[in-house]
Each structure stands twice: as structure tokens, then as C-alpha cells.
Amino acid sequence: MDWDSLNCAIVRCRRCPRLIAHCRNIARRKRAAYRDEEYWGKPVPNFGCPTARLLVVGLAPGAHGANRTGRMFTGDRSGDWLYAALYRHGFANQPQARRRDDGLRLLDCAITAACHCAPPGNRPTTAELAACSTWLTHTLDLVPARVIVALGRIAWHAILREATSRGWLPARPRPTFRHGAEVTLAEGRTLLASYHPSQQNTFTGRLTEPMFDAVFRRARQLLR
């Protein structure tokens, strides 16, 4: 399966009826600020370069961000944080992500998620994450990432499961999630952890811009 075929398969996926119904419901109801826009309202594909050495793994599309625009981390405050950081460290050609046709390109970077549908309350179930894990497996099969950045605990554990199943990491002890954690994987790969740039984390100061920058600065150092 190549990159384009993988993305088409993700968009067509209907494995989780609860998530599909939620995405469609949000797309029908809309937020008042976007009432004149047509929402994407379905699973959101991967974004970026299939030959990337940096792979960023998020949790799931935002209800009025990626679920509206159809592109990972696009159109919400989490994306504002992520793409600004990627731009500052040479992984994107611009710091903003507003819509799919805004000219944004990722440079030696790709973005995926543990869950490709916007979940109610930003909380996919264990069964939904398991159903979506196929797409993460295929993504890791294709992307020759040397550095993987997990945004949040759910993405961290999704990558640890994949790393263990591929023999990149022993099953025990399992590395603990914390911001700035770094784990050496087999075959020259490194896993980095960051708090997710959600409003819950950025508005409260749990995640600051210098903290976020430090993760992508380290990713750049590793790739050099």
C-alpha cells in the first residue's frame, strides 16, 4: 500500500460507528463561527511527506479543527502551536495552518494520529483505538522515520505498542510518559514525548512554548 492509497483507505474507513456518527453530527451542527463552511466530517488522512525522517503522532482530529478542514491539526489552536514549532525548526514552510489549500507544506515531516476520527469529548475508547491502530501500523510501514514525536500519553502508548510488536523495544520495562522523555529504539530510531498542545495544556501553562520548542529542537539535533 502506498501513501496515497493509505490515505484513501483511512478516509473510507467506517470501522467505528460511534465516531463516524459523531463526525457527521458535528459537521451538520457546526460551530457558529464556521456556519458558512462545509465541514469535512469524516476520518482525516495523514499529512506530509511519505519519505519523512520525522513522524509526529497526535491523539485525534479536533471537532472544529481537522474534522472541519480535513487536514491534521489545521484550523484550531493546537495546530497553531504545532505548525509554529515545526516552522521554527525547519519542518514546515510556514507557521500557520488554516485550511487544506493554504499552501502549507511539511519538510522531512509527516503527521498521523492514534485515532483518525474526532471522538466525543476527545476520548476514543480502547476498542476504537485498537480498530484505528491498523492505520498507524501501515503508516510506520511506509514512513522511514528516524525520530517519532508522540503528542500526549495516548499517542505515546500507541507508539510503544507498535515498537514492541516490531521488536524495536523490549516489552518490559515500559517507558513512562513524561514531557521530554526520550527512548532509543532499534535500528537508529528515537521516540520523543511531548504534552499535547491542547488548550487544556497551553492555557494552563502545563505546556509552554519553550517546552514545546525543546522537543522539536531535540528532534532536529537527532536528525543531524
Protein backbone atom coordinates (compact mmCIF):
# COMPACT_ATOMS: atom_id res chain seq x y z
CA MET A 1 0.00 0.00 0.00
CA ASP A 2 1.47 3.37 -1.00
CA TRP A 3 0.92 6.73 0.74
CA ASP A 4 -1.99 7.88 -1.40
CA SER A 5 -3.73 4.51 -1.19
CA LEU A 6 -3.29 4.50 2.58
CA ASN A 7 -4.82 7.94 2.91
CA CYS A 8 -7.76 6.98 0.69
CA ALA A 9 -8.34 3.88 2.83
CA ILE A 10 -8.27 5.97 6.03
CA VAL A 11 -10.88 8.39 4.65
CA ARG A 12 -13.14 5.48 3.60
CA CYS A 13 -12.83 3.70 6.97
CA ARG A 14 -16.13 3.02 8.75
CA ARG A 15 -14.96 0.66 11.49
CA CYS A 16 -16.21 2.75 14.40
CA PRO A 17 -19.90 3.69 14.00
CA ARG A 18 -19.90 5.91 17.10
CA LEU A 19 -17.04 8.01 15.76
CA ILE A 20 -18.44 8.25 12.24
CA ALA A 21 -21.80 9.37 13.62
CA HIS A 22 -20.13 11.96 15.84
CA CYS A 23 -18.05 13.40 12.97
CA ARG A 24 -21.13 13.69 10.78
CA ASN A 25 -23.20 15.22 13.57
CA ILE A 26 -20.57 17.90 14.25
CA ALA A 27 -20.39 18.60 10.51
CA ARG A 28 -24.15 19.13 10.38
CA ARG A 29 -24.44 21.25 13.52
CA LYS A 30 -21.22 23.26 13.03
CA ARG A 31 -19.87 25.96 15.29
CA ALA A 32 -21.44 29.40 14.82
CA ALA A 33 -18.14 30.91 13.67
CA TYR A 34 -17.96 28.38 10.82
CA ARG A 35 -21.63 28.10 9.89
CA ASP A 36 -20.95 29.09 6.26
CA GLU A 37 -18.22 26.47 5.80
CA GLU A 38 -18.60 22.91 4.57
CA TYR A 39 -17.14 20.56 7.17
CA TRP A 40 -15.03 17.55 6.23
CA GLY A 41 -16.90 15.34 8.73
CA LYS A 42 -15.12 12.01 8.16
CA PRO A 43 -11.81 10.30 9.02
CA VAL A 44 -8.84 12.60 8.50
CA PRO A 45 -5.89 11.23 6.49
CA ASN A 46 -2.20 11.51 7.23
CA PHE A 47 -0.46 14.69 6.17
CA GLY A 48 3.05 15.39 4.96
CA CYS A 49 5.92 13.62 3.28
CA PRO A 50 5.89 9.80 3.00
CA THR A 51 9.71 9.77 2.97
CA ALA A 52 9.91 11.87 6.15
CA ARG A 53 12.50 11.24 8.84
CA LEU A 54 10.28 12.92 11.47
CA LEU A 55 6.87 11.47 12.29
CA VAL A 56 4.54 13.38 14.63
CA VAL A 57 1.75 11.33 16.22
CA GLY A 58 -1.26 13.12 17.71
CA LEU A 59 -4.35 11.92 19.52
CA ALA A 60 -7.27 12.58 17.17
CA PRO A 61 -8.74 15.32 14.94
CA GLY A 62 -10.32 18.30 16.68
CA ALA A 63 -14.09 18.53 16.24
CA HIS A 64 -13.91 22.02 14.70
CA GLY A 65 -10.30 21.82 13.55
CA ALA A 66 -9.26 18.84 11.43
CA ASN A 67 -12.82 17.46 11.39
CA ARG A 68 -13.81 20.76 9.76
CA THR A 69 -10.84 21.33 7.46
CA GLY A 70 -9.91 17.76 6.58
CA ARG A 71 -6.22 18.14 7.42
CA MET A 72 -4.37 17.13 10.57
CA PHE A 73 -4.00 19.91 13.17
CA THR A 74 -5.48 22.51 10.83
CA GLY A 75 -7.88 25.26 11.85
CA ASP A 76 -7.57 25.20 15.65
CA ARG A 77 -5.25 26.38 18.44
CA SER A 78 -3.47 23.04 18.77
CA GLY A 79 -2.45 23.38 15.14
CA ASP A 80 -1.33 26.96 15.73
CA TRP A 81 1.12 25.66 18.32
CA LEU A 82 2.27 22.63 16.34
CA TYR A 83 2.89 24.26 12.97
CA ALA A 84 4.57 27.30 14.51
CA ALA A 85 7.01 24.95 16.27
CA LEU A 86 7.58 22.88 13.13
CA TYR A 87 8.25 26.07 11.17
CA ARG A 88 10.72 27.39 13.73
CA HIS A 89 12.73 24.17 13.47
CA GLY A 90 12.65 23.80 9.70
CA PHE A 91 9.96 21.13 9.36
CA ALA A 92 7.30 23.34 7.68
CA ASN A 93 7.35 26.10 5.08
CA GLN A 94 5.02 28.39 7.06
CA PRO A 95 3.84 28.74 10.67
CA GLN A 96 0.07 28.82 10.07
CA ALA A 97 -2.45 26.14 9.09
CA ARG A 98 -5.89 27.50 8.30
CA ARG A 99 -7.31 25.28 5.53
CA ARG A 100 -6.28 22.50 3.14
CA ASP A 101 -5.40 24.88 0.30
CA ASP A 102 -3.35 27.40 2.31
CA GLY A 103 0.00 26.38 0.77
CA LEU A 104 1.36 24.66 3.87
CA ARG A 105 3.99 22.01 3.17
CA LEU A 106 5.82 19.83 5.62
CA LEU A 107 9.56 19.38 5.15
CA ASP A 108 11.00 15.96 6.02
CA CYS A 109 8.00 15.52 8.33
CA ALA A 110 4.70 13.64 8.38
CA ILE A 111 1.77 13.80 10.80
CA THR A 112 -0.55 10.98 11.80
CA ALA A 113 -2.75 10.17 14.81
CA ALA A 114 -3.67 7.34 17.13
CA CYS A 115 -7.30 7.92 16.10
CA HIS A 116 -8.32 9.40 12.74
CA CYS A 117 -11.86 10.46 13.70
CA ALA A 118 -12.87 13.23 16.07
CA PRO A 119 -14.10 11.46 19.24
CA PRO A 120 -16.74 12.74 21.66
CA GLY A 121 -15.02 14.57 24.48
CA ASN A 122 -11.66 13.96 22.78
CA ARG A 123 -11.74 10.45 24.26
CA PRO A 124 -11.73 7.48 21.89
CA THR A 125 -12.50 4.17 23.55
CA THR A 126 -9.94 1.40 23.89
CA ALA A 127 -11.78 -0.58 21.21
CA GLU A 128 -11.78 2.42 18.85
CA LEU A 129 -8.06 2.96 19.32
CA ALA A 130 -7.46 -0.73 18.62
CA ALA A 131 -9.56 -0.55 15.45
CA CYS A 132 -7.62 2.51 14.25
CA SER A 133 -4.22 1.03 15.09
CA THR A 134 -4.13 -0.63 11.66
CA TRP A 135 -3.59 2.78 10.08
CA LEU A 136 -0.70 3.56 12.41
CA THR A 137 0.85 0.19 11.54
CA HIS A 138 0.60 0.93 7.81
CA THR A 139 1.97 4.44 8.35
CA LEU A 140 5.03 3.12 10.17
CA ASP A 141 5.49 0.55 7.40
CA LEU A 142 5.74 3.38 4.88
CA VAL A 143 7.40 6.30 6.64
CA PRO A 144 11.14 5.76 7.28
CA ALA A 145 11.02 7.86 10.45
CA ARG A 146 14.21 8.15 12.48
CA VAL A 147 12.51 10.35 15.08
CA ILE A 148 8.94 9.90 16.29
CA VAL A 149 7.31 12.59 18.43
CA ALA A 150 4.31 11.42 20.46
CA LEU A 151 1.97 14.26 21.44
CA GLY A 152 0.32 13.09 24.64
CA ARG A 153 0.03 9.89 26.61
CA ILE A 154 -2.34 8.08 24.21
CA ALA A 155 -0.04 8.64 21.23
CA TRP A 156 2.93 7.58 23.38
CA HIS A 157 1.35 4.26 24.30
CA ALA A 158 0.22 3.67 20.70
CA ILE A 159 3.81 4.01 19.52
CA LEU A 160 5.15 1.86 22.35
CA ARG A 161 2.76 -0.94 21.31
CA GLU A 162 3.95 -0.68 17.72
CA ALA A 163 7.60 -0.53 18.75
CA THR A 164 7.22 -3.62 20.93
CA SER A 165 5.41 -5.59 18.22
CA ARG A 166 8.14 -4.71 15.69
CA GLY A 167 10.97 -5.67 18.01
CA TRP A 168 12.21 -2.09 18.28
CA LEU A 169 11.75 -2.12 22.05
CA PRO A 170 11.61 -4.81 24.76
CA ALA A 171 8.16 -5.43 26.21
CA ARG A 172 9.42 -4.63 29.72
CA PRO A 173 10.11 -2.29 31.31
CA ARG A 174 7.68 0.02 29.52
CA PRO A 175 8.96 3.62 29.39
CA THR A 176 6.88 6.10 31.37
CA PHE A 177 5.29 9.06 29.62
CA ARG A 178 6.52 12.48 30.64
CA HIS A 179 7.19 15.64 28.71
CA GLY A 180 10.66 15.49 27.18
CA ALA A 181 11.05 11.74 27.63
CA GLU A 182 13.41 10.14 25.13
CA VAL A 183 13.60 6.44 24.28
CA THR A 184 16.15 4.83 21.96
CA LEU A 185 14.50 2.33 19.64
CA ALA A 186 16.15 -0.29 17.45
CA GLU A 187 17.60 0.47 14.03
CA GLY A 188 18.62 4.02 14.87
CA ARG A 189 15.17 5.33 15.81
CA THR A 190 14.28 7.60 18.72
CA LEU A 191 10.93 8.24 20.38
CA LEU A 192 10.33 11.64 21.97
CA ALA A 193 7.41 12.66 24.17
CA SER A 194 5.60 15.97 24.48
CA TYR A 195 2.49 17.10 26.22
CA HIS A 196 -0.25 17.54 23.65
CA PRO A 197 -0.64 21.20 22.56
CA SER A 198 -4.30 21.20 23.55
CA GLN A 199 -5.87 24.32 25.00
CA GLN A 200 -6.18 22.47 28.30
CA ASN A 201 -2.38 22.25 28.43
CA THR A 202 -1.37 25.53 26.78
CA PHE A 203 -3.89 27.81 28.52
CA THR A 204 -2.95 26.45 31.94
CA GLY A 205 0.79 26.71 31.32
CA ARG A 206 1.35 22.99 31.66
CA LEU A 207 2.89 23.22 28.20
CA THR A 208 4.84 26.37 27.35
CA GLU A 209 6.37 27.43 24.05
CA PRO A 210 9.95 26.86 25.28
CA MET A 211 8.98 23.36 26.47
CA PHE A 212 7.43 22.54 23.09
CA ASP A 213 10.36 24.01 21.18
CA ALA A 214 12.79 21.90 23.19
CA VAL A 215 11.21 18.71 21.83
CA PHE A 216 11.50 19.74 18.20
CA ARG A 217 14.96 21.20 18.75
CA ARG A 218 15.98 17.77 20.03
CA ALA A 219 14.34 16.12 17.01
CA ARG A 220 16.40 18.35 14.71
CA GLN A 221 19.58 17.53 16.63
CA LEU A 222 18.93 13.81 16.31
CA LEU A 223 18.35 14.09 12.58
CA ARG A 224 21.61 15.94 12.12
